[in-house]
Protein backbone atom coordinates (compact mmCIF):
# COMPACT_ATOMS: atom_id res chain seq x y z
CA UNK A 1 -1.52 -49.95 -44.26
CA UNK A 2 -1.41 -49.50 -40.14
CA UNK A 3 -3.66 -46.69 -39.11
CA UNK A 4 -1.51 -43.54 -38.13
CA UNK A 5 -2.73 -43.33 -34.65
CA UNK A 6 -0.53 -46.76 -34.40
CA UNK A 7 2.62 -44.30 -34.75
CA UNK A 8 4.26 -44.50 -31.39
CA UNK A 9 4.14 -40.74 -30.97
CA UNK A 10 0.45 -40.60 -31.58
CA UNK A 11 0.09 -43.01 -29.52
CA UNK A 12 1.58 -41.41 -26.09
CA UNK A 13 -0.16 -38.15 -27.20
CA UNK A 14 -3.58 -40.50 -27.07
CA UNK A 15 -2.19 -41.82 -23.56
CA UNK A 16 -2.03 -38.41 -21.78
CA UNK A 17 -5.27 -37.87 -20.95
CA UNK A 18 -5.93 -41.56 -19.25
CA UNK A 19 -7.13 -41.46 -15.79
CA UNK A 20 -6.25 -43.81 -12.58
CA UNK A 21 -10.25 -44.19 -11.12
CA UNK A 22 -8.42 -43.67 -7.52
CA UNK A 23 -6.73 -40.20 -8.91
CA UNK A 24 -9.96 -39.11 -10.53
CA UNK A 25 -12.23 -39.97 -7.17
CA UNK A 26 -9.41 -37.66 -4.96
CA UNK A 27 -10.02 -35.11 -8.33
CA UNK A 28 -13.28 -35.06 -7.49
CA UNK A 29 -13.02 -34.16 -3.78
CA UNK A 30 -10.65 -31.95 -4.27
CA UNK A 31 -12.49 -29.71 -6.65
CA UNK A 32 -15.66 -30.15 -4.40
CA UNK A 33 -13.79 -28.51 -1.69
CA UNK A 34 -12.48 -25.68 -4.23
CA UNK A 35 -16.13 -24.45 -4.46
CA UNK A 36 -17.09 -24.08 -1.24
CA UNK A 37 -17.27 -20.53 -0.35
CA UNK A 38 -13.67 -17.94 0.21
CA UNK A 39 -12.87 -14.20 1.50
CA UNK A 40 -14.28 -12.45 -1.92
CA UNK A 41 -17.17 -13.63 -3.92
CA UNK A 42 -15.55 -15.04 -7.55
CA UNK A 43 -17.26 -15.28 -10.66
CA UNK A 44 -16.84 -18.47 -12.99
CA UNK A 45 -14.18 -18.07 -14.62
CA UNK A 46 -11.97 -17.27 -11.59
CA UNK A 47 -13.65 -20.37 -9.91
CA UNK A 48 -12.82 -22.32 -13.07
CA UNK A 49 -9.40 -22.05 -12.93
CA UNK A 50 -8.90 -22.41 -9.26
CA UNK A 51 -11.24 -25.62 -9.30
CA UNK A 52 -8.93 -27.00 -12.25
CA UNK A 53 -5.74 -25.99 -10.42
CA UNK A 54 -7.12 -28.04 -7.29
CA UNK A 55 -8.71 -30.91 -9.09
CA UNK A 56 -4.66 -31.42 -10.73
CA UNK A 57 -3.48 -31.53 -7.02
CA UNK A 58 -5.85 -33.98 -5.79
CA UNK A 59 -5.46 -36.18 -9.14
CA UNK A 60 -2.11 -36.30 -8.04
CA UNK A 61 -2.44 -37.16 -4.16
CA UNK A 62 -5.10 -40.24 -5.25
CA UNK A 63 -2.44 -41.72 -7.29
CA UNK A 64 -0.42 -41.49 -4.83
CA UNK A 65 -2.41 -42.67 -2.72
CA UNK A 66 -3.96 -45.61 -5.08
CA UNK A 67 -0.66 -46.53 -5.43
CA UNK A 68 0.21 -46.91 -1.49
CA UNK A 69 -2.35 -48.96 -0.85
CA UNK A 70 -1.50 -51.14 -3.86
CA UNK A 71 1.53 -51.77 -2.78
CA UNK A 72 1.09 -51.98 1.15
CA UNK A 73 -2.31 -53.41 1.89
CA UNK A 74 -4.31 -54.92 -0.94
CA UNK A 75 -1.01 -57.13 -2.89
CA UNK A 76 -0.81 -59.14 -0.04
CA UNK A 77 -4.57 -59.91 -0.03
CA UNK A 78 -5.93 -63.19 -1.21
CA UNK A 79 -8.70 -61.31 -2.27
CA UNK A 80 -7.04 -58.97 -4.40
CA UNK A 81 -7.36 -58.20 -7.46
CA UNK A 82 -11.21 -57.87 -7.47
CA UNK A 83 -13.23 -60.09 -9.93
CA UNK A 84 -12.96 -58.53 -13.58
CA UNK A 85 -16.89 -57.42 -12.94
CA UNK A 86 -16.82 -55.86 -9.46
CA UNK A 87 -13.54 -53.93 -11.22
CA UNK A 88 -15.73 -52.89 -14.03
CA UNK A 89 -18.23 -51.48 -11.48
CA UNK A 90 -15.85 -49.46 -9.56
CA UNK A 91 -14.57 -47.85 -12.71
CA UNK A 92 -18.30 -47.52 -13.85
CA UNK A 93 -19.33 -45.77 -10.27
CA UNK A 94 -16.53 -43.58 -9.75
CA UNK A 95 -16.84 -41.09 -12.37
CA UNK A 96 -20.47 -40.52 -12.26
CA UNK A 97 -20.27 -40.38 -8.55
CA UNK A 98 -17.68 -37.77 -9.08
CA UNK A 99 -20.05 -35.64 -11.88
CA UNK A 100 -22.90 -35.96 -9.63
CA UNK A 101 -20.80 -35.37 -6.66
CA UNK A 102 -19.71 -31.86 -8.81
CA UNK A 103 -23.08 -30.84 -10.23
CA UNK A 104 -24.49 -30.72 -6.84
CA UNK A 105 -21.44 -28.87 -5.04
CA UNK A 106 -22.26 -26.42 -8.43
CA UNK A 107 -25.41 -25.35 -7.40
CA UNK A 108 -24.63 -24.96 -3.59
CA UNK A 109 -21.52 -23.17 -4.39
CA UNK A 110 -23.54 -20.35 -7.19
CA UNK A 111 -25.68 -19.92 -3.65
CA UNK A 112 -22.65 -19.79 -1.44
CA UNK A 113 -21.50 -16.81 -3.98
CA UNK A 114 -24.64 -15.45 -4.47
CA UNK A 115 -25.07 -14.87 -0.66
CA UNK A 116 -21.07 -13.64 -0.31
CA UNK A 117 -21.77 -11.31 -2.87
CA UNK A 118 -25.37 -9.78 -1.02
CA UNK A 119 -23.05 -9.57 2.15
CA UNK A 120 -20.57 -7.01 0.08
CA UNK A 121 -23.35 -5.47 -1.65
CA UNK A 122 -21.49 -6.56 -4.93
CA UNK A 123 -23.51 -7.91 -7.76
CA UNK A 124 -24.25 -11.78 -7.47
CA UNK A 125 -24.07 -14.74 -10.03
CA UNK A 126 -26.61 -17.42 -11.70
CA UNK A 127 -27.05 -20.72 -10.74
CA UNK A 128 -26.52 -22.06 -14.76
CA UNK A 129 -23.90 -19.40 -15.37
CA UNK A 130 -21.72 -20.84 -12.63
CA UNK A 131 -21.89 -24.45 -14.70
CA UNK A 132 -19.55 -22.85 -17.03
CA UNK A 133 -16.78 -23.76 -13.83
CA UNK A 134 -17.38 -27.39 -14.40
CA UNK A 135 -16.43 -26.99 -18.02
CA UNK A 136 -13.12 -25.07 -17.39
CA UNK A 137 -11.87 -26.91 -14.20
CA UNK A 138 -12.25 -29.85 -16.68
CA UNK A 139 -9.97 -28.40 -18.56
CA UNK A 140 -7.62 -27.31 -16.82
CA UNK A 141 -7.19 -30.52 -15.01
CA UNK A 142 -6.59 -31.94 -18.16
CA UNK A 143 -3.98 -29.47 -18.84
CA UNK A 144 -1.67 -29.73 -15.23
CA UNK A 145 -2.14 -32.84 -15.65
CA UNK A 146 -0.87 -34.03 -19.06
CA UNK A 147 1.84 -31.69 -18.32
CA UNK A 148 3.08 -33.84 -15.18
CA UNK A 149 3.00 -36.81 -17.54
CA UNK A 150 5.58 -35.22 -19.57
CA UNK A 151 7.28 -34.61 -17.11
CA UNK A 152 7.25 -38.20 -15.99
CA UNK A 153 7.89 -39.80 -18.77
CA UNK A 154 10.88 -36.96 -19.46
CA UNK A 155 12.04 -38.51 -16.53
CA UNK A 156 11.78 -42.00 -17.74
CA UNK A 157 13.67 -41.41 -20.84
CA UNK A 158 16.54 -39.69 -19.13
CA UNK A 159 16.67 -42.98 -16.69
CA UNK A 160 17.00 -45.23 -19.91
CA UNK A 161 19.67 -42.74 -21.17
CA UNK A 162 21.57 -42.89 -18.22
CA UNK A 163 21.17 -47.01 -18.11
CA UNK A 164 22.35 -47.36 -21.71
CA UNK A 165 26.20 -45.68 -20.77
CA UNK A 166 26.16 -46.69 -17.47
CA UNK A 167 24.90 -49.99 -15.74
CA UNK A 168 23.07 -49.28 -12.36
CA UNK A 169 20.21 -50.81 -10.38
CA UNK A 170 16.93 -48.74 -12.03
CA UNK A 171 16.08 -47.49 -8.06
CA UNK A 172 19.67 -45.44 -8.77
CA UNK A 173 19.18 -44.70 -11.64
CA UNK A 174 15.40 -43.23 -11.41
CA UNK A 175 16.45 -41.08 -8.39
CA UNK A 176 19.56 -39.85 -10.44
CA UNK A 177 16.38 -38.85 -13.11
CA UNK A 178 14.26 -36.95 -10.77
CA UNK A 179 17.16 -35.30 -9.54
CA UNK A 180 18.48 -34.53 -12.92
CA UNK A 181 14.59 -33.38 -14.25
CA UNK A 182 14.32 -31.18 -11.22
CA UNK A 183 17.36 -29.73 -11.07
CA UNK A 184 16.77 -28.71 -15.10
CA UNK A 185 13.41 -27.45 -14.89
CA UNK A 186 14.27 -25.51 -11.74
CA UNK A 187 17.48 -23.72 -13.73
CA UNK A 188 15.61 -23.03 -16.38
CA UNK A 189 12.64 -20.94 -14.38
CA UNK A 190 15.09 -19.01 -11.88
CA UNK A 191 17.81 -18.88 -14.52
CA UNK A 192 15.63 -18.20 -17.36
CA UNK A 193 12.05 -17.54 -17.40
CA UNK A 194 11.79 -15.63 -14.05
CA UNK A 195 14.43 -13.55 -15.06
CA UNK A 196 12.85 -13.37 -18.73
CA UNK A 197 9.36 -12.29 -16.99
CA UNK A 198 11.07 -9.65 -15.04
CA UNK A 199 12.66 -8.20 -17.54
CA UNK A 200 9.50 -7.99 -19.64
CA UNK A 201 7.77 -6.53 -16.89
CA UNK A 202 9.70 -4.00 -15.75
CA UNK A 203 10.26 -3.11 -19.59
CA UNK A 204 5.91 -3.10 -19.74
CA UNK A 205 5.59 -1.07 -16.68
CA UNK A 206 8.15 1.52 -17.57
CA UNK A 207 6.51 2.49 -20.63
CA UNK A 208 3.54 2.50 -18.84
CA UNK A 209 5.47 4.82 -16.08
CA UNK A 210 5.54 7.40 -19.17
CA UNK A 211 2.47 7.91 -19.32
CA UNK A 212 -0.37 10.27 -17.78
CA UNK A 213 -3.72 9.69 -16.21
CA UNK A 214 -6.22 11.67 -18.12
CA UNK A 215 -7.27 15.21 -15.96
CA UNK A 216 -3.68 14.68 -14.45
CA UNK A 217 -2.19 18.42 -15.34
CA UNK A 218 1.03 19.67 -14.08
CA UNK A 219 0.36 21.23 -10.40
CA UNK A 220 1.15 25.17 -10.50
CA UNK A 221 1.27 25.51 -6.80
CA UNK A 222 4.64 26.17 -5.55
CA UNK A 223 4.07 23.67 -2.59
CA UNK A 224 3.71 20.86 -5.05
CA UNK A 225 6.72 18.39 -6.50
CA UNK A 226 6.75 18.86 -10.20
CA UNK A 227 5.35 22.43 -10.07
CA UNK A 228 7.48 25.08 -12.12
CA UNK A 229 9.43 25.66 -8.45
CA UNK A 230 10.09 22.30 -8.32
CA UNK A 231 13.70 20.92 -8.53
CA UNK A 232 11.66 17.49 -9.25
CA UNK A 233 10.62 18.18 -13.06
CA UNK A 234 6.97 16.91 -13.77
CA UNK A 235 8.26 14.29 -16.16
CA UNK A 236 10.65 12.63 -13.64
CA UNK A 237 7.72 12.03 -11.90
CA UNK A 238 6.40 8.77 -13.01
CA UNK A 239 2.50 7.86 -13.54
CA UNK A 240 1.47 7.53 -10.35
CA UNK A 241 3.87 10.43 -9.01
CA UNK A 242 2.01 12.70 -11.63
CA UNK A 243 -0.99 11.56 -10.29
CA UNK A 244 -0.44 12.30 -7.16
CA UNK A 245 0.98 16.15 -7.24
CA UNK A 246 -1.72 16.52 -9.46
CA UNK A 247 -4.39 15.17 -7.47
CA UNK A 248 -6.51 16.22 -4.21
CA UNK A 249 -7.66 19.68 -2.95
CA UNK A 250 -6.26 23.27 -3.21
CA UNK A 251 -6.23 25.58 -0.52
CA UNK A 252 -9.55 27.73 -1.66
CA UNK A 253 -11.11 24.09 -2.20
CA UNK A 254 -10.29 23.03 1.89
CA UNK A 255 -11.98 26.14 2.63
CA UNK A 256 -14.75 26.25 0.95
CA UNK A 257 -15.74 22.55 1.57
CA UNK A 258 -14.65 22.79 5.78
CA UNK A 259 -16.29 26.13 6.19
CA UNK A 260 -13.20 27.65 7.77
CA UNK A 261 -9.73 28.92 6.44
CA UNK A 262 -7.33 26.27 4.97
CA UNK A 263 -3.62 26.57 3.62
CA UNK A 264 -2.51 24.67 0.79
CA UNK A 265 -1.72 21.02 1.18
CA UNK A 266 1.87 20.32 0.91
CA UNK A 267 3.14 17.12 -1.58
CA UNK A 268 6.30 16.45 -1.79
CA UNK A 269 7.32 13.16 -4.40
CA UNK A 270 10.53 11.70 -6.22
CA UNK A 271 9.96 9.36 -9.46
CA UNK A 272 12.55 6.79 -9.89
CA UNK A 273 13.25 9.34 -12.86
CA UNK A 274 13.88 11.76 -10.66
CA UNK A 275 17.43 11.35 -9.56
CA UNK A 276 20.35 8.76 -10.64
CA UNK A 277 19.68 6.41 -7.46
CA UNK A 278 18.06 5.85 -4.22
CA UNK A 279 20.13 8.40 -2.22
CA UNK A 280 19.96 10.98 -4.64
CA UNK A 281 16.39 10.84 -4.82
CA UNK A 282 15.88 10.68 -1.12
CA UNK A 283 18.06 14.10 -1.12
CA UNK A 284 15.83 15.63 -3.32
CA UNK A 285 12.64 14.86 -1.66
CA UNK A 286 14.32 16.06 1.65
CA UNK A 287 15.34 19.72 -0.56
CA UNK A 288 11.83 19.66 -1.68
CA UNK A 289 10.35 19.35 2.01
CA UNK A 290 12.87 22.02 3.12
CA UNK A 291 11.91 24.75 -0.03
CA UNK A 292 8.42 24.31 0.09
CA UNK A 293 8.28 25.14 4.44
CA UNK A 294 7.06 21.36 5.32
CA UNK A 295 9.15 21.61 8.34
CA UNK A 296 6.90 24.26 9.82
CA UNK A 297 3.65 22.62 9.42
CA UNK A 298 1.41 20.85 11.89
CA UNK A 299 1.59 17.63 10.82
CA UNK A 300 4.38 15.45 8.48
CA UNK A 301 3.68 12.87 7.07
CA UNK A 302 6.25 10.42 5.34
CA UNK A 303 4.03 7.27 2.73
CA UNK A 304 6.45 4.51 1.93
CA UNK A 305 4.56 3.49 -1.39
CA UNK A 306 3.13 0.37 -2.85
CA UNK A 307 4.54 -1.03 -6.08
CA UNK A 308 4.87 1.59 -9.02
CA UNK A 309 4.81 4.57 -6.56
CA UNK A 310 0.81 4.71 -5.60
CA UNK A 311 -0.16 6.66 -2.99
CA UNK A 312 -3.82 6.35 -1.83
CA UNK A 313 -5.34 9.44 -2.88
CA UNK A 314 -8.28 8.87 0.25
CA UNK A 315 -5.58 7.92 2.99
CA UNK A 316 -4.23 11.46 2.05
CA UNK A 317 -7.08 13.55 1.61
CA UNK A 318 -8.60 12.67 4.70
CA UNK A 319 -5.15 13.97 6.44
CA UNK A 320 -5.25 16.78 4.54
CA UNK A 321 -9.26 17.78 5.59
CA UNK A 322 -8.55 17.01 8.69
CA UNK A 323 -5.78 19.26 9.40
CA UNK A 324 -7.36 22.09 7.35
CA UNK A 325 -4.44 21.42 4.82
CA UNK A 326 -1.48 22.01 7.07
CA UNK A 327 0.16 19.16 6.27
CA UNK A 328 3.19 18.14 4.64
CA UNK A 329 2.98 14.78 2.79
CA UNK A 330 6.34 13.12 1.22
CA UNK A 331 6.54 9.94 -0.72
CA UNK A 332 9.05 8.28 -3.30
CA UNK A 333 9.18 5.84 -6.12
CA UNK A 334 11.21 2.77 -5.97
CA UNK A 335 10.11 0.64 -8.48
CA UNK A 336 7.95 0.30 -12.08
CA UNK A 337 6.48 -3.03 -11.11
CA UNK A 338 2.54 -2.99 -9.41
CA UNK A 339 2.31 -4.06 -5.87
CA UNK A 340 1.36 -7.91 -6.68
CA UNK A 341 4.74 -8.51 -8.25
CA UNK A 342 6.96 -6.63 -6.12
CA UNK A 343 4.61 -8.42 -3.77
CA UNK A 344 6.44 -11.83 -5.08
CA UNK A 345 9.90 -10.38 -5.93
CA UNK A 346 10.72 -7.38 -4.24
CA UNK A 347 9.38 -7.17 -0.78
CA UNK A 348 12.93 -6.69 0.33
CA UNK A 349 13.79 -4.15 -1.91
CA UNK A 350 10.30 -2.41 -0.39
CA UNK A 351 11.21 -2.93 3.39
CA UNK A 352 15.21 -1.23 2.40
CA UNK A 353 13.24 1.39 0.48
CA UNK A 354 10.62 2.28 3.12
CA UNK A 355 13.27 2.12 6.02
CA UNK A 356 16.10 4.48 4.05
CA UNK A 357 12.56 6.88 3.35
CA UNK A 358 11.56 6.94 6.57
CA UNK A 359 15.25 7.60 8.32
CA UNK A 360 16.27 10.02 5.95
CA UNK A 361 13.19 12.63 6.33
CA UNK A 362 13.11 12.03 10.15
CA UNK A 363 17.00 12.59 10.20
CA UNK A 364 16.29 16.42 8.52
CA UNK A 365 12.81 16.48 11.42
CA UNK A 366 15.12 15.92 14.14
CA UNK A 367 17.05 18.88 13.28
CA UNK A 368 13.80 21.10 13.94
CA UNK A 369 13.28 22.86 17.40
CA UNK A 370 11.28 19.93 19.15
CA UNK A 371 9.12 22.92 20.25
CA UNK A 372 8.03 24.31 16.85
CA UNK A 373 8.80 20.82 14.42
CA UNK A 374 5.59 19.41 13.07
CA UNK A 375 4.49 16.08 14.11
CA UNK A 376 6.13 13.28 12.44
CA UNK A 377 3.32 10.83 11.28
CA UNK A 378 3.95 7.12 9.04
CA UNK A 379 1.09 5.69 6.78
CA UNK A 380 1.48 3.05 4.52
CA UNK A 381 -1.32 0.71 2.86
CA UNK A 382 -0.65 -2.80 1.30
CA UNK A 383 2.68 -3.12 0.49
CA UNK A 384 3.09 0.22 1.79
CA UNK A 385 3.15 -1.16 5.11
CA UNK A 386 6.06 -3.61 4.85
CA UNK A 387 7.67 -0.83 3.70
CA UNK A 388 7.29 1.21 6.68
CA UNK A 389 7.53 -2.00 8.95
CA UNK A 390 11.54 -2.49 7.41
CA UNK A 391 11.71 1.12 9.05
CA UNK A 392 11.63 -0.10 12.69
CA UNK A 393 12.97 -2.76 15.00
CA UNK A 394 9.73 -3.25 17.33
CA UNK A 395 6.94 -1.23 19.09
CA UNK A 396 9.47 0.29 21.16
CA UNK A 397 11.23 1.87 17.96
CA UNK A 398 8.11 3.20 16.62
CA UNK A 399 7.19 5.40 19.76
CA UNK A 400 10.90 6.82 19.59
CA UNK A 401 10.22 7.71 16.35
CA UNK A 402 7.00 8.23 15.28
CA UNK A 403 4.13 10.49 16.78
CA UNK A 404 1.71 8.07 15.14
CA UNK A 405 1.60 5.44 12.35
CA UNK A 406 -1.60 4.53 10.25
CA UNK A 407 -0.75 1.19 8.98
CA UNK A 408 -3.96 -0.18 5.97
CA UNK A 409 -4.27 -3.70 4.91
CA UNK A 410 -1.35 -5.09 5.87
CA UNK A 411 -0.17 -8.33 4.23
CA UNK A 412 0.50 -11.16 6.57
CA UNK A 413 4.17 -11.67 5.67
CA UNK A 414 4.61 -8.37 7.48
CA UNK A 415 7.70 -8.69 10.64
CA UNK A 416 6.02 -7.07 13.37
CA UNK A 417 1.90 -7.18 12.86
CA UNK A 418 3.14 -11.19 12.57
CA UNK A 419 4.72 -10.46 15.58
CA UNK A 420 1.96 -8.32 17.54
CA UNK A 421 -1.13 -10.87 16.40
CA UNK A 422 1.37 -13.75 17.24
CA UNK A 423 1.66 -12.26 21.06
CA UNK A 424 -2.21 -10.38 21.06
CA UNK A 425 -4.03 -11.36 24.54
CA UNK A 426 -5.26 -14.52 25.11
CA UNK A 427 -9.19 -14.83 24.28
CA UNK A 428 -8.86 -12.17 22.21
CA UNK A 429 -9.64 -13.46 18.14
CA UNK A 430 -6.89 -13.48 15.47
CA UNK A 431 -9.05 -11.50 12.84
CA UNK A 432 -9.54 -8.49 15.50
CA UNK A 433 -6.41 -8.99 18.12
CA UNK A 434 -5.93 -6.94 21.01
CA UNK A 435 -2.50 -6.60 22.14
CA UNK A 436 -1.31 -5.40 25.41
CA UNK A 437 -4.90 -4.56 26.72
CA UNK A 438 -4.57 -1.65 23.10
CA UNK A 439 -2.85 0.54 25.68
CA UNK A 440 -0.65 1.73 22.60
CA UNK A 441 -1.10 -0.84 19.37
CA UNK A 442 -4.91 -1.11 17.54
CA UNK A 443 -6.56 -3.18 15.56
CA UNK A 444 -9.92 -1.87 14.10
CA UNK A 445 -12.08 -3.66 11.09
CA UNK A 446 -14.80 -2.05 9.28
CA UNK A 447 -17.09 -2.48 12.56
CA UNK A 448 -16.93 1.02 14.29
CA UNK A 449 -15.15 1.86 17.18
CA UNK A 450 -11.73 1.02 17.52
CA UNK A 451 -11.43 -1.38 20.64
CA UNK A 452 -10.99 -1.48 23.05
CA UNK A 453 -13.75 1.28 23.83
CA UNK A 454 -13.01 2.82 27.22
CA UNK A 455 -10.29 1.90 28.14
CA UNK A 456 -6.52 3.87 27.57
CA UNK A 457 -4.77 5.00 24.64
CA UNK A 458 -1.62 6.09 24.88
CA UNK A 459 0.54 8.27 22.29
CA UNK A 460 2.45 7.77 20.40
CA UNK A 461 -0.81 5.22 19.02
CA UNK A 462 -0.06 2.73 16.24
CA UNK A 463 -2.99 1.53 14.44
CA UNK A 464 -3.62 -1.08 11.78
CA UNK A 465 -6.52 -1.01 9.83
CA UNK A 466 -7.84 -4.70 8.48
CA UNK A 467 -11.11 -6.50 7.09
CA UNK A 468 -12.13 -9.74 8.18
CA UNK A 469 -12.32 -10.25 4.12
CA UNK A 470 -9.21 -9.12 3.26
CA UNK A 471 -6.97 -12.04 1.34
CA UNK A 472 -4.15 -9.84 1.11
CA UNK A 473 -4.26 -9.71 5.40
CA UNK A 474 -4.88 -13.14 5.31
CA UNK A 475 -2.96 -15.35 2.73
CA UNK A 476 -0.40 -17.18 3.85
CA UNK A 477 2.00 -20.15 2.12
CA UNK A 478 0.85 -21.64 5.78
CA UNK A 479 -2.49 -22.07 4.63
CA UNK A 480 -1.72 -24.92 2.70
CA UNK A 481 -1.46 -27.76 5.66
CA UNK A 482 -2.37 -25.36 8.66
CA UNK A 483 -5.68 -24.23 9.85
CA UNK A 484 -5.02 -20.85 10.87
CA UNK A 485 -6.57 -19.61 13.92
CA UNK A 486 -9.30 -16.92 12.12
CA UNK A 487 -10.54 -19.72 10.11
CA UNK A 488 -11.65 -21.34 13.41
CA UNK A 489 -12.88 -18.58 15.46
CA UNK A 490 -16.02 -16.81 14.85
CA UNK A 491 -15.94 -14.75 11.78
CA UNK A 492 -15.79 -11.08 11.28
CA UNK A 493 -18.22 -8.96 9.94
CA UNK A 494 -18.09 -9.51 6.05
CA UNK A 495 -16.62 -13.08 6.25
CA UNK A 496 -19.27 -16.14 5.29
CA UNK A 497 -19.43 -18.53 8.53
CA UNK A 498 -19.70 -21.03 5.73
CA UNK A 499 -15.98 -20.89 4.62
CA UNK A 500 -14.38 -23.70 5.77
CA UNK A 501 -10.15 -24.45 6.27
CA UNK A 502 -9.17 -27.61 3.78
CA UNK A 503 -5.89 -28.64 3.06
CA UNK A 504 -4.26 -27.06 0.24
CA UNK A 505 -7.72 -25.86 -1.35
CA UNK A 506 -7.96 -23.14 0.73
CA UNK A 507 -4.70 -21.94 0.11
CA UNK A 508 -5.52 -21.71 -3.55
CA UNK A 509 -9.00 -19.95 -2.43
CA UNK A 510 -7.18 -17.25 -1.07
CA UNK A 511 -4.53 -16.74 -3.34
CA UNK A 512 -7.50 -16.82 -6.18
CA UNK A 513 -9.29 -13.88 -4.22
CA UNK A 514 -5.92 -11.82 -4.47
CA UNK A 515 -6.51 -10.97 -7.68
CA UNK A 516 -10.09 -9.39 -7.15
CA UNK A 517 -9.08 -8.21 -4.24
CA UNK A 518 -9.70 -4.22 -4.09
CA UNK A 519 -12.46 -4.97 -6.68
CA UNK A 520 -15.01 -5.23 -4.39
CA UNK A 521 -17.36 -2.42 -2.88
CA UNK A 522 -15.82 -0.36 -0.14
CA UNK A 523 -15.35 -1.39 3.37
CA UNK A 524 -14.43 -4.72 2.30
CA UNK A 525 -11.71 -7.02 0.57
CA UNK A 526 -8.32 -4.88 0.19
CA UNK A 527 -10.92 -1.23 -0.33
CA UNK A 528 -10.76 0.28 2.72
CA UNK A 529 -12.54 3.91 1.23
CA UNK A 530 -13.08 6.42 3.92
CA UNK A 531 -12.70 4.07 7.19
CA UNK A 532 -8.95 6.07 6.42
CA UNK A 533 -10.80 8.52 7.82
CA UNK A 534 -11.59 6.91 11.21
CA UNK A 535 -8.09 5.99 11.29
CA UNK A 536 -6.39 8.94 11.33
CA UNK A 537 -8.81 10.64 13.27
CA UNK A 538 -8.00 7.73 16.37
CA UNK A 539 -4.24 8.41 16.02
CA UNK A 540 -3.87 12.19 15.05
CA UNK A 541 -6.85 13.93 15.60
CA UNK A 542 -6.68 17.83 16.17
CA UNK A 543 -7.58 18.93 19.61
CA UNK A 544 -11.29 19.53 19.77
CA UNK A 545 -12.03 17.12 17.05
CA UNK A 546 -15.79 15.98 17.63
CA UNK A 547 -17.31 12.59 15.73
CA UNK A 548 -19.26 15.65 13.87
CA UNK A 549 -15.99 16.88 12.33
CA UNK A 550 -15.34 13.58 10.83
CA UNK A 551 -18.64 12.89 9.65
CA UNK A 552 -18.35 16.25 7.78
CA UNK A 553 -15.03 15.23 5.90
CA UNK A 554 -16.52 12.01 5.24
CA UNK A 555 -19.13 13.73 3.31
CA UNK A 556 -16.44 16.10 1.75
CA UNK A 557 -14.88 12.81 0.37
CA UNK A 558 -17.47 11.09 -0.69
CA UNK A 559 -18.75 14.15 -2.49
CA UNK A 560 -15.14 14.48 -3.93
CA UNK A 561 -14.66 11.06 -4.49
CA UNK A 562 -13.31 9.72 -7.61
CA UNK A 563 -12.02 12.46 -8.85
CA UNK A 564 -8.56 11.30 -8.79
CA UNK A 565 -8.69 8.46 -10.50
CA UNK A 566 -8.94 4.61 -9.18
CA UNK A 567 -6.84 3.04 -6.32
CA UNK A 568 -4.32 0.41 -7.99
């Protein structure tokens, strides 16, 4: 009776994990590269996944290199193939060397992760715990390699079927087979999978949009959207909108905290369900600004939102404290999706929504007498900076439109940010560039003063705040095959000097960092904390403002920290 393993299908399955020893060598190399430090600390789970992905990529690269070397360089040689004993020795040596090198690098990696965690005042890992990375990486790489082999075998099946119908040279059939399978996979991914994922995620997050955060209560102050006096109903504002209008300090709390009289801050907001379309939502927020008297305040802050309509409560709180409450903030939701999905699928939508909001509010603001209308500021964070940049053609347009702009944690793909960084003054680093001597536009990190210190800074002022360790700022597809300037220069204040660029690997390392960008302590990664206060002070501080005023407000913000719910 034949063995069950003699069945063709079972033999095919058994052959999927078989490894090429050249591919194995490169797989180990890519895995070891992936263990080097990146921007943020990573636990064993994230490192295991990223190590497995890079190992699979390295394996594929090694197989291709091995095939090329064999075909072009080795076959013509008289001494090839090697004697069986030498070939066996190589096949034994390579796996053993790969395992030993990986174990050594795992130990080094655990040390780097502890060093990086200490740099950010976070909890580090243990070496023994980090060894789980190796097992997870092996499983991940095996799964990916097997999936690629399934596609390869499917191509071969297609080629055989083509040859049964139409006789043609094998090379031609191979090309046709690859093209057909690629077209099929792309069609399935773009036409079916992505659409299904989009529909499911929209459905999931639209349900979340109907929820209300614990502690968020409908405001009674008429200066807030969602109040009984507001045309934007509490129910229509969405999860983030309800959080925004219900949080923050009222006039009494501001007065008590500051030790001087304050007025009730204005917060105007429209959710996706506040009106049937974008034009009607923007008409609604302008009506809210008119109803609340926003155009008679000292400052008007327009906030293009991120993803689900989130507005950083810390940033708005800082502005309200700085202006003694005499400020109006306006925002509008444009999506159900969180920022990381919107960043991948809706960047153009975000940009168009930000432009529409800024243009609409600015158009109405221009109708006020120039001598009495409020200062016009734009604030954006993360994907909100992309939305905000969409309203402007360049620096001159920003200066003609606003009285100041504060952008925090801009994605690397931002159009204007990229132009300013690429055109930075010679000798200034990419991580903290100087643009046109800092006369109008400046960049800041968490290291203290806004550079360049002691030089004129003309208004309207524009400021980008970015951490050297923020993967949102530094992740780019260019990392695949090009070393960026920021990895060639001296590291920023919260990046390890041991971080190096490796082709393909660094791209996936920083991509993994994106998943935990805001999960680190204040002042690192994508978590900017009260640094936004320093940004507001630098671009919009009232006359007579002092450093003591800044620290007084910071103390108030730290005392009230956390009451507005987690940042998203």
